[in-house]
C-alpha cells in the first residue's frame, strides 16, 4: 500500500481535466492505496458546491458524483 498525492490546477474551464485527480484518487482507494488531493490555482473553485454541480466532463460522470465517492472514501482534499 502506498500514499499517492494528486495535484491539479484545472478548474471548471476544462471539466474533463478537472475530474482527473478525483478519478485517480478513487481508483487508488480501490487498489488499496491511501490517496490525497491538492488543488491550487483554477482548481480551487471546484470545491464550491455550485461549481462542482455544474462540471460535467466528456466521457465521465459529473463531478458531483465523482466527488461524492471521493468524500465517502475519506480522501483528504487540500485547497
N, C-alpha and C. Protein backbone atom coordinates (compact mmCIF):
# COMPACT_ATOMS: atom_id res chain seq x y z
N UNK A 1 0.86 -1.18 0.00
CA UNK A 1 0.00 0.00 0.00
C UNK A 1 0.89 1.23 0.00
N UNK A 2 0.54 2.19 -0.81
CA UNK A 2 1.32 3.41 -0.89
C UNK A 2 0.46 4.64 -0.72
N UNK A 3 1.12 5.76 -0.50
CA UNK A 3 0.44 7.04 -0.41
C UNK A 3 0.64 7.76 -1.73
N UNK A 4 -0.44 8.25 -2.31
CA UNK A 4 -0.40 8.90 -3.61
C UNK A 4 -0.98 10.30 -3.48
N UNK A 5 -0.20 11.31 -3.91
CA UNK A 5 -0.69 12.69 -3.90
C UNK A 5 -1.04 13.10 -5.32
N UNK A 6 -2.28 13.53 -5.52
CA UNK A 6 -2.75 14.00 -6.82
C UNK A 6 -2.82 15.53 -6.79
N UNK A 7 -2.14 16.19 -7.71
CA UNK A 7 -2.15 17.64 -7.81
C UNK A 7 -2.94 18.07 -9.03
N UNK A 8 -3.63 19.21 -8.93
CA UNK A 8 -4.35 19.72 -10.10
C UNK A 8 -4.47 21.24 -10.06
N UNK A 9 -4.35 21.83 -11.24
CA UNK A 9 -4.60 23.26 -11.42
C UNK A 9 -5.79 23.50 -12.34
N UNK A 10 -6.42 22.42 -12.81
CA UNK A 10 -7.52 22.55 -13.77
C UNK A 10 -8.85 22.74 -13.05
N UNK A 11 -9.56 23.78 -13.46
CA UNK A 11 -10.85 24.07 -12.86
C UNK A 11 -11.99 23.86 -13.83
N UNK A 12 -13.05 24.60 -13.63
CA UNK A 12 -14.27 24.43 -14.42
C UNK A 12 -14.09 24.80 -15.89
N UNK A 13 -13.03 25.52 -16.22
CA UNK A 13 -12.79 25.88 -17.62
C UNK A 13 -12.41 24.67 -18.47
N UNK A 14 -11.96 23.59 -17.82
CA UNK A 14 -11.62 22.36 -18.52
C UNK A 14 -12.16 21.18 -17.71
N UNK A 15 -13.45 20.91 -17.82
CA UNK A 15 -14.09 19.93 -16.95
C UNK A 15 -13.52 18.52 -17.06
N UNK A 16 -13.06 18.13 -18.23
CA UNK A 16 -12.53 16.77 -18.38
C UNK A 16 -11.24 16.60 -17.60
N UNK A 17 -10.35 17.58 -17.66
CA UNK A 17 -9.11 17.51 -16.88
C UNK A 17 -9.38 17.76 -15.40
N UNK A 18 -10.40 18.52 -15.09
CA UNK A 18 -10.70 18.87 -13.70
C UNK A 18 -11.05 17.65 -12.85
N UNK A 19 -11.67 16.64 -13.45
CA UNK A 19 -12.09 15.46 -12.67
C UNK A 19 -10.97 14.44 -12.48
N UNK A 20 -9.87 14.57 -13.21
CA UNK A 20 -8.82 13.55 -13.18
C UNK A 20 -8.23 13.27 -11.80
N UNK A 21 -7.94 14.28 -10.97
CA UNK A 21 -7.39 13.93 -9.65
C UNK A 21 -8.38 13.16 -8.78
N UNK A 22 -9.67 13.43 -8.95
CA UNK A 22 -10.68 12.74 -8.17
C UNK A 22 -10.85 11.30 -8.66
N UNK A 23 -10.84 11.11 -9.98
CA UNK A 23 -10.91 9.77 -10.54
C UNK A 23 -9.69 8.94 -10.13
N UNK A 24 -8.53 9.57 -10.19
CA UNK A 24 -7.29 8.89 -9.82
C UNK A 24 -7.31 8.49 -8.35
N UNK A 25 -7.76 9.38 -7.50
CA UNK A 25 -7.83 9.08 -6.07
C UNK A 25 -8.82 7.95 -5.79
N UNK A 26 -9.97 7.98 -6.47
CA UNK A 26 -10.96 6.93 -6.25
C UNK A 26 -10.42 5.58 -6.70
N UNK A 27 -9.69 5.56 -7.81
CA UNK A 27 -9.08 4.33 -8.29
C UNK A 27 -8.00 3.83 -7.34
N UNK A 28 -7.25 4.76 -6.76
CA UNK A 28 -6.19 4.38 -5.83
C UNK A 28 -6.77 3.72 -4.58
N UNK A 29 -7.90 4.24 -4.11
CA UNK A 29 -8.56 3.63 -2.94
C UNK A 29 -8.99 2.20 -3.27
N UNK A 30 -9.56 2.02 -4.46
CA UNK A 30 -9.98 0.68 -4.87
C UNK A 30 -8.81 -0.28 -4.96
N UNK A 31 -7.61 0.25 -5.26
CA UNK A 31 -6.41 -0.59 -5.37
C UNK A 31 -5.72 -0.78 -4.03
N UNK A 32 -6.28 -0.19 -2.96
CA UNK A 32 -5.72 -0.38 -1.63
C UNK A 32 -4.71 0.66 -1.20
N UNK A 33 -4.63 1.78 -1.91
CA UNK A 33 -3.68 2.84 -1.56
C UNK A 33 -4.37 3.93 -0.75
N UNK A 34 -3.58 4.85 -0.24
CA UNK A 34 -4.09 5.99 0.52
C UNK A 34 -3.80 7.27 -0.26
N UNK A 35 -4.74 7.73 -1.09
CA UNK A 35 -4.51 8.93 -1.88
C UNK A 35 -4.86 10.20 -1.12
N UNK A 36 -4.38 11.30 -1.65
CA UNK A 36 -4.77 12.64 -1.19
C UNK A 36 -4.81 13.51 -2.45
N UNK A 37 -5.53 14.62 -2.36
CA UNK A 37 -5.67 15.54 -3.49
C UNK A 37 -5.28 16.93 -3.04
N UNK A 38 -4.46 17.61 -3.86
CA UNK A 38 -4.13 19.01 -3.62
C UNK A 38 -4.61 19.82 -4.82
N UNK A 39 -5.45 20.80 -4.55
CA UNK A 39 -5.98 21.69 -5.59
C UNK A 39 -5.39 23.07 -5.40
N UNK A 40 -4.92 23.67 -6.48
CA UNK A 40 -4.43 25.04 -6.40
C UNK A 40 -4.71 25.74 -7.72
N UNK A 41 -4.58 27.06 -7.71
CA UNK A 41 -4.88 27.84 -8.92
C UNK A 41 -6.36 27.75 -9.26
N UNK A 42 -6.64 27.54 -10.53
CA UNK A 42 -8.03 27.49 -11.00
C UNK A 42 -8.83 26.33 -10.42
N UNK A 43 -8.16 25.29 -9.94
CA UNK A 43 -8.86 24.10 -9.42
C UNK A 43 -9.55 24.36 -8.09
N UNK A 44 -9.17 25.41 -7.40
CA UNK A 44 -9.75 25.69 -6.08
C UNK A 44 -11.26 25.88 -6.15
N UNK A 45 -11.76 26.45 -7.23
CA UNK A 45 -13.20 26.73 -7.33
C UNK A 45 -14.04 25.45 -7.39
N UNK A 46 -13.41 24.31 -7.68
CA UNK A 46 -14.15 23.04 -7.75
C UNK A 46 -14.76 22.66 -6.40
N UNK A 47 -14.29 23.23 -5.33
CA UNK A 47 -14.81 22.91 -4.00
C UNK A 47 -16.07 23.69 -3.65
N UNK A 48 -16.47 24.62 -4.51
CA UNK A 48 -17.75 25.29 -4.33
C UNK A 48 -18.85 24.38 -4.84
N UNK A 49 -19.89 24.20 -4.06
CA UNK A 49 -21.00 23.32 -4.47
C UNK A 49 -21.58 23.73 -5.82
N UNK A 50 -21.76 25.02 -6.04
CA UNK A 50 -22.37 25.47 -7.30
C UNK A 50 -21.49 25.12 -8.50
N UNK A 51 -20.19 25.17 -8.33
CA UNK A 51 -19.28 24.82 -9.43
C UNK A 51 -19.22 23.31 -9.60
N UNK A 52 -19.05 22.58 -8.51
CA UNK A 52 -18.97 21.11 -8.58
C UNK A 52 -20.23 20.52 -9.21
N UNK A 53 -21.37 21.11 -8.95
CA UNK A 53 -22.62 20.61 -9.52
C UNK A 53 -22.74 20.89 -11.02
N UNK A 54 -21.97 21.87 -11.51
CA UNK A 54 -22.07 22.27 -12.92
C UNK A 54 -21.01 21.62 -13.81
N UNK A 55 -19.99 21.02 -13.22
CA UNK A 55 -18.89 20.45 -14.00
C UNK A 55 -19.27 19.07 -14.52
N UNK A 56 -19.35 18.95 -15.85
CA UNK A 56 -19.68 17.68 -16.49
C UNK A 56 -18.61 17.40 -17.55
N UNK A 57 -17.71 16.46 -17.27
CA UNK A 57 -16.63 16.16 -18.22
C UNK A 57 -17.12 15.32 -19.39
N UNK A 58 -16.30 15.25 -20.43
CA UNK A 58 -16.59 14.41 -21.58
C UNK A 58 -16.18 12.97 -21.24
N UNK A 59 -17.11 12.05 -21.32
CA UNK A 59 -16.80 10.64 -21.13
C UNK A 59 -16.75 10.14 -19.70
N UNK A 60 -17.05 10.98 -18.75
CA UNK A 60 -17.04 10.60 -17.33
C UNK A 60 -18.32 11.09 -16.67
N UNK A 61 -18.66 10.56 -15.50
CA UNK A 61 -19.83 11.07 -14.78
C UNK A 61 -19.59 12.51 -14.32
N UNK A 62 -20.65 13.22 -13.96
CA UNK A 62 -20.50 14.58 -13.44
C UNK A 62 -19.59 14.61 -12.21
N UNK A 63 -18.91 15.73 -12.02
CA UNK A 63 -18.00 15.87 -10.88
C UNK A 63 -18.72 15.64 -9.56
N UNK A 64 -19.96 16.08 -9.44
CA UNK A 64 -20.66 15.92 -8.16
C UNK A 64 -20.76 14.44 -7.77
N UNK A 65 -20.91 13.54 -8.74
CA UNK A 65 -20.98 12.11 -8.45
C UNK A 65 -19.60 11.55 -8.08
N UNK A 66 -18.59 11.96 -8.84
CA UNK A 66 -17.22 11.51 -8.57
C UNK A 66 -16.76 12.03 -7.21
N UNK A 67 -17.06 13.29 -6.93
CA UNK A 67 -16.67 13.91 -5.67
C UNK A 67 -17.36 13.24 -4.48
N UNK A 68 -18.60 12.82 -4.67
CA UNK A 68 -19.31 12.13 -3.59
C UNK A 68 -18.58 10.84 -3.20
N UNK A 69 -18.05 10.13 -4.19
CA UNK A 69 -17.28 8.92 -3.91
C UNK A 69 -15.97 9.26 -3.21
N UNK A 70 -15.31 10.32 -3.66
CA UNK A 70 -14.06 10.76 -3.04
C UNK A 70 -14.28 11.09 -1.57
N UNK A 71 -15.35 11.79 -1.28
CA UNK A 71 -15.66 12.16 0.11
C UNK A 71 -16.03 10.92 0.93
N UNK A 72 -16.80 10.02 0.34
CA UNK A 72 -17.17 8.79 1.03
C UNK A 72 -15.95 7.93 1.36
N UNK A 73 -14.90 8.03 0.52
CA UNK A 73 -13.66 7.30 0.76
C UNK A 73 -12.77 7.98 1.79
N UNK A 74 -13.21 9.11 2.32
CA UNK A 74 -12.42 9.89 3.29
C UNK A 74 -11.07 10.31 2.75
N UNK A 75 -11.01 10.60 1.47
CA UNK A 75 -9.77 11.08 0.85
C UNK A 75 -9.56 12.53 1.21
N UNK A 76 -8.41 12.87 1.78
CA UNK A 76 -8.14 14.28 2.11
C UNK A 76 -8.02 15.14 0.85
N UNK A 77 -8.63 16.31 0.90
CA UNK A 77 -8.55 17.27 -0.21
C UNK A 77 -7.98 18.56 0.37
N UNK A 78 -6.81 18.94 -0.12
CA UNK A 78 -6.14 20.16 0.34
C UNK A 78 -6.33 21.25 -0.69
N UNK A 79 -6.74 22.43 -0.21
CA UNK A 79 -7.00 23.55 -1.10
C UNK A 79 -6.11 24.70 -0.70
